[in-house]
Amino acid sequence: MTAGDYIARIVDVPDHGLRLEPAPDSATPEQANEVNLLGLAVALALGSAGYHHHPEPRDPELQTLDALLAGEVTMPWLSETPAGDNTYIVCEFASTGAPKCRVEQRPV
């Protein structure tokens, strides 16, 4: 598994969803299986934090997990409460198993 943590600021994009803005030292996996596991962990954390899927369909050719984790695309996830400037997704990679992610507020 990838060494280090994946940390990204959650950026609301009105009427479209959210974009992740990875921290400069975030670890982003390169292996397809690890990308899929991280994408699933991010989706589970967002769902637990009250985000829901926007009715706008995702474009599977442009809106890939790689592009989401790199901060290159907006994904159709919305929250009743805007994220603000200090809302982050924090994912810790374990030596075995899937990464564990959570949404948290961090100082600006």
Protein backbone atom coordinates (compact mmCIF):
# COMPACT_ATOMS: atom_id res chain seq x y z
CA MET A 1 0.00 0.00 0.00
CA THR A 2 0.93 3.63 -0.38
CA ALA A 3 3.08 5.14 2.36
CA GLY A 4 1.85 8.33 4.00
CA ASP A 5 -1.63 9.80 4.23
CA TYR A 6 -4.00 11.26 1.67
CA ILE A 7 -5.28 14.65 2.83
CA ALA A 8 -7.37 16.95 0.67
CA ARG A 9 -9.47 20.05 1.25
CA ILE A 10 -13.09 19.65 0.18
CA VAL A 11 -14.06 22.47 -2.19
CA ASP A 12 -17.75 23.06 -2.92
CA VAL A 13 -18.54 23.76 -6.57
CA PRO A 14 -22.07 25.25 -6.60
CA ASP A 15 -24.66 23.20 -8.50
CA HIS A 16 -22.05 20.59 -9.52
CA GLY A 17 -20.70 18.90 -6.40
CA LEU A 18 -17.26 18.97 -4.91
CA ARG A 19 -13.63 18.90 -5.87
CA LEU A 20 -10.80 17.60 -3.72
CA GLU A 21 -7.73 19.80 -3.36
CA PRO A 22 -4.92 17.48 -2.21
CA ALA A 23 -2.32 18.78 0.24
CA PRO A 24 1.14 19.09 -1.35
CA ASP A 25 2.50 16.13 0.62
CA SER A 26 -0.52 13.85 0.13
CA ALA A 27 0.20 10.30 -0.92
CA THR A 28 -1.85 9.29 -3.95
CA PRO A 29 -1.74 5.63 -4.97
CA GLU A 30 -0.73 4.61 -8.46
CA GLN A 31 -1.91 0.99 -8.56
CA ALA A 32 -5.48 0.60 -9.85
CA ASN A 33 -6.60 -1.55 -6.91
CA GLU A 34 -5.25 1.00 -4.39
CA VAL A 35 -6.93 3.87 -6.27
CA ASN A 36 -10.23 1.99 -6.15
CA LEU A 37 -9.86 1.25 -2.42
CA LEU A 38 -9.06 4.89 -1.66
CA GLY A 39 -11.96 6.08 -3.83
CA LEU A 40 -14.34 3.77 -1.98
CA ALA A 41 -13.00 4.91 1.42
CA VAL A 42 -13.45 8.57 0.39
CA ALA A 43 -17.04 7.89 -0.76
CA LEU A 44 -17.86 6.10 2.51
CA ALA A 45 -16.42 8.95 4.58
CA LEU A 46 -18.35 11.55 2.58
CA GLY A 47 -21.57 9.56 3.01
CA SER A 48 -20.96 9.26 6.76
CA ALA A 49 -20.41 13.03 6.93
CA GLY A 50 -23.82 13.75 5.36
CA TYR A 51 -22.85 14.18 1.72
CA HIS A 52 -25.19 12.73 -0.88
CA HIS A 53 -24.97 12.14 -4.61
CA HIS A 54 -26.03 15.09 -6.78
CA PRO A 55 -28.68 14.22 -9.40
CA GLU A 56 -26.31 15.30 -12.20
CA PRO A 57 -24.88 12.13 -13.74
CA ARG A 58 -21.14 11.53 -13.61
CA ASP A 59 -19.21 11.48 -16.90
CA PRO A 60 -17.23 8.22 -16.55
CA GLU A 61 -14.73 9.20 -19.26
CA LEU A 62 -13.72 12.45 -17.54
CA GLN A 63 -14.66 11.98 -13.90
CA THR A 64 -12.39 9.10 -12.96
CA LEU A 65 -11.13 8.19 -9.50
CA ASP A 66 -7.58 9.13 -10.52
CA ALA A 67 -8.78 12.59 -11.59
CA LEU A 68 -10.87 13.00 -8.42
CA LEU A 69 -7.97 12.14 -6.11
CA ALA A 70 -5.64 14.45 -8.08
CA GLY A 71 -8.11 17.34 -7.70
CA GLU A 72 -8.69 17.67 -11.44
CA VAL A 73 -12.47 17.11 -11.62
CA THR A 74 -15.67 17.91 -9.81
CA MET A 75 -17.66 14.95 -8.58
CA PRO A 76 -21.42 14.95 -7.96
CA TRP A 77 -21.47 14.96 -4.14
CA LEU A 78 -23.35 17.62 -2.18
CA SER A 79 -23.94 18.44 1.46
CA GLU A 80 -26.74 20.32 3.17
CA THR A 81 -24.00 22.33 4.88
CA PRO A 82 -21.29 23.94 2.71
CA ALA A 83 -17.81 22.59 3.42
CA GLY A 84 -16.16 25.94 4.08
CA ASP A 85 -12.44 26.60 3.81
CA ASN A 86 -11.33 24.21 6.53
CA THR A 87 -13.13 20.94 5.73
CA TYR A 88 -10.81 18.11 4.77
CA ILE A 89 -10.94 14.44 3.89
CA VAL A 90 -8.18 12.64 5.77
CA CYS A 91 -7.25 9.08 4.79
CA GLU A 92 -4.72 6.93 6.59
CA PHE A 93 -3.23 3.95 4.80
CA ALA A 94 -2.86 0.76 6.80
CA SER A 95 -0.17 -1.81 6.07
CA THR A 96 -2.98 -4.26 5.34
CA GLY A 97 -6.51 -3.62 4.19
CA ALA A 98 -8.31 -0.56 2.92
CA PRO A 99 -7.45 3.02 3.91
CA LYS A 100 -9.56 4.62 6.62
CA CYS A 101 -10.96 8.05 5.79
CA ARG A 102 -12.84 10.69 7.72
CA VAL A 103 -14.10 14.22 7.10
CA GLU A 104 -12.75 16.72 9.62
CA GLN A 105 -12.47 20.42 10.29
CA ARG A 106 -8.90 21.75 10.40
CA PRO A 107 -7.58 25.17 11.28
CA VAL A 108 -7.14 27.44 8.27
